[in-house]
Amino acid sequence: MIKLSGSYRLEIEEHILARFRGFRQSPINPLESGGILMGRKIGKLFIIDFASTPGEGDYREYNRFVRNKEQAQNIIYRERVRSDNRRIYLGEWHTHNQEKPSPSGLDLEEWELTFRSSKLSIRFMLCIIVGSKDELLNIHLSIQSAKGNIEVFTN
């Protein structure tokens, strides 16, 4: 459980952490990966229970991941329908080839742009970077809101 601001909390289901770990960058898997995060809001608890994986239309390099917006929108729509509108868009994730991941200037710019151009069910967006260290919870978590980007958790 990760404490967000105020009394808000975040839970990332274990199968999502395992998915992140499976996509971490390594000599065998050198390209950045990423996708969208979806989940549920129960009172002040946010639960990430879905993370998309790179698809055909996504652009991937050693130090760059750009998801296909149309494909991501289709995934969001599909998951909302499947969950009877209980699953909502929560944010974005991608990998870095860093043991202790941290956002680049480009990451911060893109998160702000994505936040400002998205129609959100909540007033912020979760931004996760998965590090290359072989640990289950090797992530950097930020919250992007109208007030800017706030680092919440780094392991």
Protein backbone atom coordinates (compact mmCIF):
# COMPACT_ATOMS: atom_id res chain seq x y z
CA MET A 1 0.00 0.00 0.00
CA ILE A 2 1.40 3.41 -0.99
CA LYS A 3 0.22 6.59 0.73
CA LEU A 4 -0.72 9.34 -1.70
CA SER A 5 -1.59 12.88 -0.59
CA GLY A 6 -3.93 13.40 2.33
CA SER A 7 -5.61 10.15 3.32
CA TYR A 8 -5.58 8.73 -0.22
CA ARG A 9 -3.88 5.37 -0.73
CA LEU A 10 -2.77 3.32 -3.73
CA GLU A 11 -2.67 -0.44 -4.07
CA ILE A 12 -0.96 -2.07 -7.05
CA GLU A 13 -2.10 -5.65 -7.49
CA GLU A 14 0.71 -8.22 -7.50
CA HIS A 15 0.00 -9.40 -11.04
CA ILE A 16 0.55 -5.81 -12.23
CA LEU A 17 3.91 -5.62 -10.42
CA ALA A 18 4.83 -8.98 -11.98
CA ARG A 19 3.86 -7.61 -15.42
CA PHE A 20 6.08 -4.55 -14.86
CA ARG A 21 8.93 -6.80 -13.77
CA GLY A 22 8.54 -8.89 -16.92
CA PHE A 23 9.00 -5.82 -19.11
CA ARG A 24 11.93 -4.23 -17.24
CA GLN A 25 14.86 -3.33 -19.46
CA SER A 26 17.88 -5.61 -19.63
CA PRO A 27 20.48 -6.69 -22.19
CA ILE A 28 17.96 -9.31 -23.38
CA ASN A 29 15.09 -6.79 -23.45
CA PRO A 30 16.77 -3.44 -24.28
CA LEU A 31 13.76 -1.44 -25.52
CA GLU A 32 11.53 0.73 -23.33
CA SER A 33 8.06 -0.64 -22.73
CA GLY A 34 4.95 1.00 -21.39
CA GLY A 35 1.22 1.38 -21.45
CA ILE A 36 -1.80 2.71 -19.63
CA LEU A 37 -2.94 2.07 -16.07
CA MET A 38 -6.53 1.43 -15.14
CA GLY A 39 -8.26 0.43 -11.97
CA ARG A 40 -10.90 1.16 -9.40
CA LYS A 41 -11.56 3.92 -6.91
CA ILE A 42 -13.14 2.80 -3.65
CA GLY A 43 -13.53 5.80 -1.37
CA LYS A 44 -9.99 7.11 -0.88
CA LEU A 45 -8.36 3.90 -2.12
CA PHE A 46 -7.15 3.57 -5.71
CA ILE A 47 -6.41 0.05 -6.96
CA ILE A 48 -4.40 -0.53 -10.13
CA ASP A 49 -5.73 -3.81 -11.50
CA PHE A 50 -4.95 -3.39 -15.22
CA ALA A 51 -1.84 -2.33 -17.15
CA SER A 52 -1.68 -2.52 -20.92
CA THR A 53 1.48 -3.75 -22.61
CA PRO A 54 3.26 -2.49 -25.72
CA GLY A 55 1.29 -3.03 -28.90
CA GLU A 56 1.96 -2.98 -32.63
CA GLY A 57 1.33 0.74 -33.03
CA ASP A 58 3.59 1.79 -30.14
CA TYR A 59 7.03 3.31 -30.82
CA ARG A 60 9.89 1.76 -28.84
CA GLU A 61 13.60 2.58 -28.59
CA TYR A 62 16.30 2.08 -25.96
CA ASN A 63 15.42 5.39 -24.27
CA ARG A 64 11.95 6.21 -25.64
CA PHE A 65 8.44 4.79 -25.54
CA VAL A 66 5.48 6.47 -27.25
CA ARG A 67 2.18 4.68 -27.03
CA ASN A 68 -0.28 4.71 -29.90
CA LYS A 69 -3.06 7.05 -28.69
CA GLU A 70 -5.82 5.47 -30.79
CA GLN A 71 -4.92 1.99 -29.60
CA ALA A 72 -4.78 3.20 -25.97
CA GLN A 73 -8.20 4.84 -26.30
CA ASN A 74 -9.63 1.58 -27.65
CA ILE A 75 -8.18 -0.31 -24.67
CA ILE A 76 -9.67 2.22 -22.23
CA TYR A 77 -13.08 1.91 -23.85
CA ARG A 78 -12.89 -1.92 -23.92
CA GLU A 79 -11.89 -2.15 -20.25
CA ARG A 80 -14.62 0.27 -19.14
CA VAL A 81 -17.23 -1.84 -20.95
CA ARG A 82 -15.82 -5.13 -19.59
CA SER A 83 -15.92 -3.80 -16.05
CA ASP A 84 -19.39 -2.22 -16.36
CA ASN A 85 -17.72 1.22 -15.95
CA ARG A 86 -16.06 0.30 -12.65
CA ARG A 87 -12.56 0.40 -14.14
CA ILE A 88 -11.25 3.91 -14.88
CA TYR A 89 -8.14 5.35 -16.51
CA LEU A 90 -5.57 6.11 -13.78
CA GLY A 91 -2.42 6.97 -15.71
CA GLU A 92 0.65 5.79 -17.58
CA TRP A 93 3.64 3.50 -17.03
CA HIS A 94 6.91 2.91 -18.85
CA THR A 95 10.36 1.47 -18.22
CA HIS A 96 13.79 3.06 -17.84
CA ASN A 97 17.15 1.38 -18.01
CA GLN A 98 18.00 2.68 -14.52
CA GLU A 99 18.23 0.72 -11.28
CA LYS A 100 16.73 3.70 -9.45
CA PRO A 101 14.25 5.09 -11.99
CA SER A 102 13.50 8.80 -12.21
CA PRO A 103 11.64 10.89 -14.79
CA SER A 104 13.48 12.74 -17.51
CA GLY A 105 12.55 16.28 -18.53
CA LEU A 106 10.77 14.78 -21.54
CA ASP A 107 8.77 12.45 -19.26
CA LEU A 108 7.62 15.42 -17.17
CA GLU A 109 6.59 17.37 -20.29
CA GLU A 110 4.71 14.41 -21.76
CA TRP A 111 2.90 13.66 -18.50
CA GLU A 112 1.74 17.26 -18.25
CA LEU A 113 0.59 17.24 -21.88
CA THR A 114 -1.24 13.91 -21.43
CA PHE A 115 -2.87 15.16 -18.23
CA ARG A 116 -4.06 18.41 -19.83
CA SER A 117 -5.38 16.69 -22.98
CA SER A 118 -7.18 13.80 -21.22
CA LYS A 119 -10.76 13.61 -20.03
CA LEU A 120 -10.24 12.12 -16.58
CA SER A 121 -12.65 10.68 -14.02
CA ILE A 122 -10.27 11.88 -11.30
CA ARG A 123 -8.30 15.13 -10.85
CA PHE A 124 -4.85 13.62 -11.28
CA MET A 125 -2.93 11.02 -13.22
CA LEU A 126 -0.57 8.36 -11.85
CA CYS A 127 2.81 8.11 -13.58
CA ILE A 128 4.97 5.04 -12.98
CA ILE A 129 8.49 4.36 -14.20
CA VAL A 130 9.71 0.79 -13.82
CA GLY A 131 13.42 0.41 -13.09
CA SER A 132 15.83 -2.24 -14.34
CA LYS A 133 16.66 -3.71 -10.92
CA ASP A 134 15.32 -7.25 -10.53
CA GLU A 135 12.95 -6.47 -7.66
CA LEU A 136 9.19 -6.66 -7.60
CA LEU A 137 8.68 -3.05 -6.49
CA ASN A 138 11.47 -1.22 -8.37
CA ILE A 139 9.37 1.79 -9.41
CA HIS A 140 9.16 5.57 -9.33
CA LEU A 141 5.61 6.90 -8.78
CA SER A 142 4.55 10.47 -9.44
CA ILE A 143 1.21 12.21 -9.47
CA GLN A 144 0.51 14.66 -12.29
CA SER A 145 -2.18 17.23 -11.54
CA ALA A 146 -3.09 20.78 -12.49
CA LYS A 147 -0.62 21.88 -9.78
CA GLY A 148 2.28 20.03 -11.46
CA ASN A 149 4.14 16.79 -10.84
CA ILE A 150 4.69 15.47 -7.33
CA GLU A 151 7.04 12.56 -6.57
CA VAL A 152 5.28 10.13 -4.25
CA PHE A 153 7.36 6.97 -4.10
CA THR A 154 10.75 5.75 -5.31
CA ASN A 155 12.27 2.40 -4.51
